[in-house]
Amino acid sequence: MSKTVVVVGHGMVGHRFVEALRNRDTENQWQIVIFGEEADAAYDRVGLSSYVGEWDRSSLALSGNDYAGDSTVQVRLGVQVTAIDTAAR
């Protein structure tokens, strides 16, 4: 039986959570859906403060932030979560 976890926010903490869950989920029991309001996948926001003017998105990208080849993870970028309907799941 598959379980689903929804991660709201694809920042550094959300990314690390998904990495940790994937590392522990050796039997692929969890489906993960990530919602991120920004158009960019997880990146080093702390490093962003050292940029003045234009910044190179790829240089700040967190390793594995697109979960390429991992069918248990869906990333939905550019989506703002405004409410959670727990009753409807």
N, C-alpha and C. Protein backbone atom coordinates (compact mmCIF):
# COMPACT_ATOMS: atom_id res chain seq x y z
N MET A 1 0.83 -1.18 0.00
CA MET A 1 0.00 0.00 0.00
C MET A 1 0.88 1.25 0.00
N SER A 2 0.58 2.17 -0.86
CA SER A 2 1.34 3.41 -0.99
C SER A 2 0.73 4.50 -0.12
N LYS A 3 1.58 5.31 0.48
CA LYS A 3 1.15 6.46 1.28
C LYS A 3 1.62 7.71 0.55
N THR A 4 0.94 8.82 0.79
CA THR A 4 1.31 10.07 0.15
C THR A 4 1.61 11.12 1.19
N VAL A 5 2.69 11.86 0.97
CA VAL A 5 3.00 13.02 1.80
C VAL A 5 3.07 14.23 0.88
N VAL A 6 2.47 15.32 1.30
CA VAL A 6 2.48 16.56 0.53
C VAL A 6 3.39 17.54 1.25
N VAL A 7 4.32 18.10 0.51
CA VAL A 7 5.26 19.08 1.05
C VAL A 7 4.89 20.43 0.47
N VAL A 8 4.55 21.37 1.34
CA VAL A 8 4.21 22.71 0.90
C VAL A 8 5.43 23.58 1.11
N GLY A 9 6.01 24.00 -0.01
CA GLY A 9 7.23 24.81 0.02
C GLY A 9 8.41 23.99 -0.45
N HIS A 10 9.08 24.49 -1.49
CA HIS A 10 10.23 23.76 -2.01
C HIS A 10 11.50 24.59 -1.78
N GLY A 11 11.66 24.97 -0.54
CA GLY A 11 12.89 25.65 -0.14
C GLY A 11 13.90 24.63 0.35
N MET A 12 14.89 25.13 1.06
CA MET A 12 15.96 24.25 1.53
C MET A 12 15.45 23.21 2.53
N VAL A 13 14.56 23.60 3.43
CA VAL A 13 14.05 22.66 4.43
C VAL A 13 13.18 21.59 3.78
N GLY A 14 12.28 22.00 2.89
CA GLY A 14 11.44 21.03 2.18
C GLY A 14 12.27 20.06 1.37
N HIS A 15 13.30 20.58 0.71
CA HIS A 15 14.18 19.73 -0.09
C HIS A 15 14.90 18.71 0.78
N ARG A 16 15.43 19.15 1.90
CA ARG A 16 16.15 18.23 2.81
C ARG A 16 15.20 17.18 3.39
N PHE A 17 13.96 17.58 3.69
CA PHE A 17 12.97 16.63 4.18
C PHE A 17 12.73 15.52 3.15
N VAL A 18 12.55 15.92 1.88
CA VAL A 18 12.31 14.93 0.83
C VAL A 18 13.52 14.03 0.66
N GLU A 19 14.71 14.59 0.69
CA GLU A 19 15.93 13.77 0.61
C GLU A 19 15.98 12.74 1.74
N ALA A 20 15.69 13.19 2.96
CA ALA A 20 15.73 12.29 4.12
C ALA A 20 14.67 11.19 4.00
N LEU A 21 13.47 11.56 3.58
CA LEU A 21 12.40 10.56 3.43
C LEU A 21 12.78 9.55 2.35
N ARG A 22 13.29 10.02 1.23
CA ARG A 22 13.68 9.10 0.14
C ARG A 22 14.80 8.17 0.59
N ASN A 23 15.74 8.67 1.36
CA ASN A 23 16.84 7.82 1.85
C ASN A 23 16.36 6.73 2.81
N ARG A 24 15.33 7.04 3.58
CA ARG A 24 14.81 6.08 4.57
C ARG A 24 13.75 5.15 3.98
N ASP A 25 13.10 5.57 2.92
CA ASP A 25 12.00 4.80 2.32
C ASP A 25 12.55 3.78 1.31
N THR A 26 13.22 2.78 1.82
CA THR A 26 13.90 1.80 0.96
C THR A 26 12.93 0.92 0.17
N GLU A 27 11.68 0.85 0.61
CA GLU A 27 10.69 0.02 -0.08
C GLU A 27 9.73 0.86 -0.94
N ASN A 28 10.05 2.13 -1.13
CA ASN A 28 9.23 3.03 -1.95
C ASN A 28 7.75 3.01 -1.57
N GLN A 29 7.47 3.11 -0.28
CA GLN A 29 6.10 3.12 0.20
C GLN A 29 5.46 4.50 0.10
N TRP A 30 6.27 5.54 -0.01
CA TRP A 30 5.77 6.91 0.00
C TRP A 30 5.78 7.55 -1.38
N GLN A 31 4.67 8.13 -1.76
CA GLN A 31 4.58 9.02 -2.90
C GLN A 31 4.70 10.44 -2.33
N ILE A 32 5.50 11.28 -2.97
CA ILE A 32 5.74 12.62 -2.46
C ILE A 32 5.32 13.63 -3.51
N VAL A 33 4.51 14.61 -3.08
CA VAL A 33 4.10 15.70 -3.96
C VAL A 33 4.58 16.99 -3.32
N ILE A 34 5.39 17.74 -4.07
CA ILE A 34 5.95 18.99 -3.56
C ILE A 34 5.30 20.15 -4.30
N PHE A 35 4.80 21.12 -3.54
CA PHE A 35 4.27 22.35 -4.11
C PHE A 35 5.21 23.49 -3.77
N GLY A 36 5.62 24.23 -4.79
CA GLY A 36 6.47 25.38 -4.58
C GLY A 36 5.90 26.60 -5.28
N GLU A 37 5.75 27.68 -4.56
CA GLU A 37 5.17 28.89 -5.16
C GLU A 37 6.10 29.51 -6.20
N GLU A 38 7.40 29.40 -5.99
CA GLU A 38 8.34 29.96 -6.95
C GLU A 38 8.43 29.09 -8.20
N ALA A 39 8.90 29.68 -9.27
CA ALA A 39 9.06 28.96 -10.53
C ALA A 39 10.32 28.11 -10.53
N ASP A 40 11.22 28.34 -9.58
CA ASP A 40 12.49 27.61 -9.51
C ASP A 40 12.43 26.52 -8.46
N ALA A 41 13.07 25.40 -8.77
CA ALA A 41 13.20 24.32 -7.78
C ALA A 41 14.13 24.80 -6.66
N ALA A 42 14.22 24.03 -5.60
CA ALA A 42 14.98 24.41 -4.41
C ALA A 42 16.39 24.90 -4.75
N TYR A 43 16.74 26.02 -4.14
CA TYR A 43 18.07 26.59 -4.35
C TYR A 43 18.57 27.18 -3.04
N ASP A 44 19.84 27.49 -3.00
CA ASP A 44 20.49 28.02 -1.80
C ASP A 44 20.13 29.49 -1.63
N ARG A 45 19.10 29.75 -0.87
CA ARG A 45 18.65 31.13 -0.65
C ARG A 45 19.65 31.94 0.17
N VAL A 46 20.39 31.29 1.04
CA VAL A 46 21.42 31.97 1.82
C VAL A 46 22.50 32.49 0.87
N GLY A 47 22.91 31.69 -0.09
CA GLY A 47 23.90 32.09 -1.06
C GLY A 47 23.42 33.21 -1.96
N LEU A 48 22.11 33.33 -2.11
CA LEU A 48 21.54 34.37 -2.95
C LEU A 48 21.90 35.76 -2.44
N SER A 49 22.05 35.90 -1.14
CA SER A 49 22.35 37.22 -0.57
C SER A 49 23.70 37.77 -1.01
N SER A 50 24.59 36.93 -1.51
CA SER A 50 25.90 37.40 -1.95
C SER A 50 25.87 37.95 -3.38
N TYR A 51 24.73 37.81 -4.06
CA TYR A 51 24.60 38.30 -5.43
C TYR A 51 24.09 39.74 -5.43
N VAL A 52 24.63 40.53 -6.30
CA VAL A 52 24.13 41.88 -6.54
C VAL A 52 23.74 41.95 -8.01
N GLY A 53 22.54 42.36 -8.28
CA GLY A 53 22.09 42.40 -9.67
C GLY A 53 21.56 41.05 -10.09
N GLU A 54 22.00 40.56 -11.24
CA GLU A 54 21.52 39.31 -11.81
C GLU A 54 22.26 38.12 -11.21
N TRP A 55 21.56 37.01 -11.02
CA TRP A 55 22.18 35.82 -10.45
C TRP A 55 21.96 34.61 -11.35
N ASP A 56 22.89 33.68 -11.26
CA ASP A 56 22.84 32.46 -12.06
C ASP A 56 22.09 31.39 -11.26
N ARG A 57 20.87 31.09 -11.68
CA ARG A 57 20.03 30.14 -10.95
C ARG A 57 20.68 28.76 -10.81
N SER A 58 21.34 28.32 -11.85
CA SER A 58 21.91 26.97 -11.81
C SER A 58 23.04 26.85 -10.79
N SER A 59 23.74 27.94 -10.53
CA SER A 59 24.86 27.87 -9.57
C SER A 59 24.38 27.75 -8.13
N LEU A 60 23.14 28.13 -7.87
CA LEU A 60 22.59 28.04 -6.52
C LEU A 60 21.65 26.84 -6.33
N ALA A 61 21.37 26.11 -7.40
CA ALA A 61 20.45 24.97 -7.32
C ALA A 61 20.97 23.92 -6.35
N LEU A 62 20.09 23.40 -5.51
CA LEU A 62 20.47 22.32 -4.60
C LEU A 62 20.55 21.02 -5.38
N SER A 63 21.52 20.24 -5.07
CA SER A 63 21.76 18.98 -5.77
C SER A 63 20.52 18.09 -5.73
N GLY A 64 20.10 17.61 -6.90
CA GLY A 64 18.96 16.70 -6.98
C GLY A 64 17.62 17.37 -6.82
N ASN A 65 17.54 18.69 -6.96
CA ASN A 65 16.30 19.40 -6.68
C ASN A 65 15.17 19.13 -7.67
N ASP A 66 15.47 18.46 -8.77
CA ASP A 66 14.40 18.14 -9.73
C ASP A 66 13.93 16.69 -9.61
N TYR A 67 14.63 15.89 -8.81
CA TYR A 67 14.28 14.48 -8.56
C TYR A 67 14.14 13.70 -9.86
N ALA A 68 14.96 14.03 -10.82
CA ALA A 68 14.94 13.36 -12.13
C ALA A 68 15.11 11.86 -11.95
N GLY A 69 14.26 11.11 -12.61
CA GLY A 69 14.34 9.65 -12.55
C GLY A 69 13.71 9.03 -11.32
N ASP A 70 13.15 9.85 -10.43
CA ASP A 70 12.52 9.33 -9.22
C ASP A 70 11.01 9.41 -9.39
N SER A 71 10.40 8.31 -9.74
CA SER A 71 8.96 8.30 -10.04
C SER A 71 8.09 8.47 -8.80
N THR A 72 8.68 8.44 -7.61
CA THR A 72 7.89 8.61 -6.40
C THR A 72 7.73 10.06 -5.99
N VAL A 73 8.42 10.97 -6.70
CA VAL A 73 8.38 12.39 -6.34
C VAL A 73 7.82 13.21 -7.51
N GLN A 74 6.82 14.02 -7.21
CA GLN A 74 6.27 14.98 -8.17
C GLN A 74 6.56 16.38 -7.66
N VAL A 75 7.11 17.24 -8.51
CA VAL A 75 7.37 18.63 -8.15
C VAL A 75 6.44 19.51 -8.95
N ARG A 76 5.66 20.31 -8.26
CA ARG A 76 4.73 21.23 -8.92
C ARG A 76 5.14 22.66 -8.54
N LEU A 77 5.85 23.30 -9.46
CA LEU A 77 6.36 24.64 -9.22
C LEU A 77 5.39 25.70 -9.75
N GLY A 78 5.49 26.89 -9.20
CA GLY A 78 4.62 27.97 -9.61
C GLY A 78 3.19 27.80 -9.12
N VAL A 79 3.04 27.04 -8.03
CA VAL A 79 1.71 26.77 -7.48
C VAL A 79 1.68 27.25 -6.03
N GLN A 80 0.78 28.17 -5.76
CA GLN A 80 0.63 28.69 -4.41
C GLN A 80 -0.43 27.89 -3.66
N VAL A 81 -0.11 27.41 -2.48
CA VAL A 81 -1.07 26.71 -1.64
C VAL A 81 -1.70 27.74 -0.71
N THR A 82 -3.02 27.86 -0.79
CA THR A 82 -3.71 28.86 0.02
C THR A 82 -4.57 28.23 1.11
N ALA A 83 -4.81 26.95 1.01
CA ALA A 83 -5.62 26.26 2.02
C ALA A 83 -5.34 24.76 1.94
N ILE A 84 -5.62 24.08 3.03
CA ILE A 84 -5.48 22.63 3.07
C ILE A 84 -6.80 22.05 3.55
N ASP A 85 -7.40 21.19 2.75
CA ASP A 85 -8.67 20.56 3.09
C ASP A 85 -8.38 19.17 3.66
N THR A 86 -8.19 19.11 4.96
CA THR A 86 -7.84 17.83 5.60
C THR A 86 -8.99 16.83 5.56
N ALA A 87 -10.21 17.32 5.58
CA ALA A 87 -11.37 16.42 5.56
C ALA A 87 -11.45 15.67 4.24
N ALA A 88 -11.15 16.34 3.14
CA ALA A 88 -11.22 15.71 1.82
C ALA A 88 -9.93 14.96 1.49
N ARG A 89 -8.90 15.19 2.28
CA ARG A 89 -7.59 14.55 2.10
C ARG A 89 -7.04 14.87 0.74
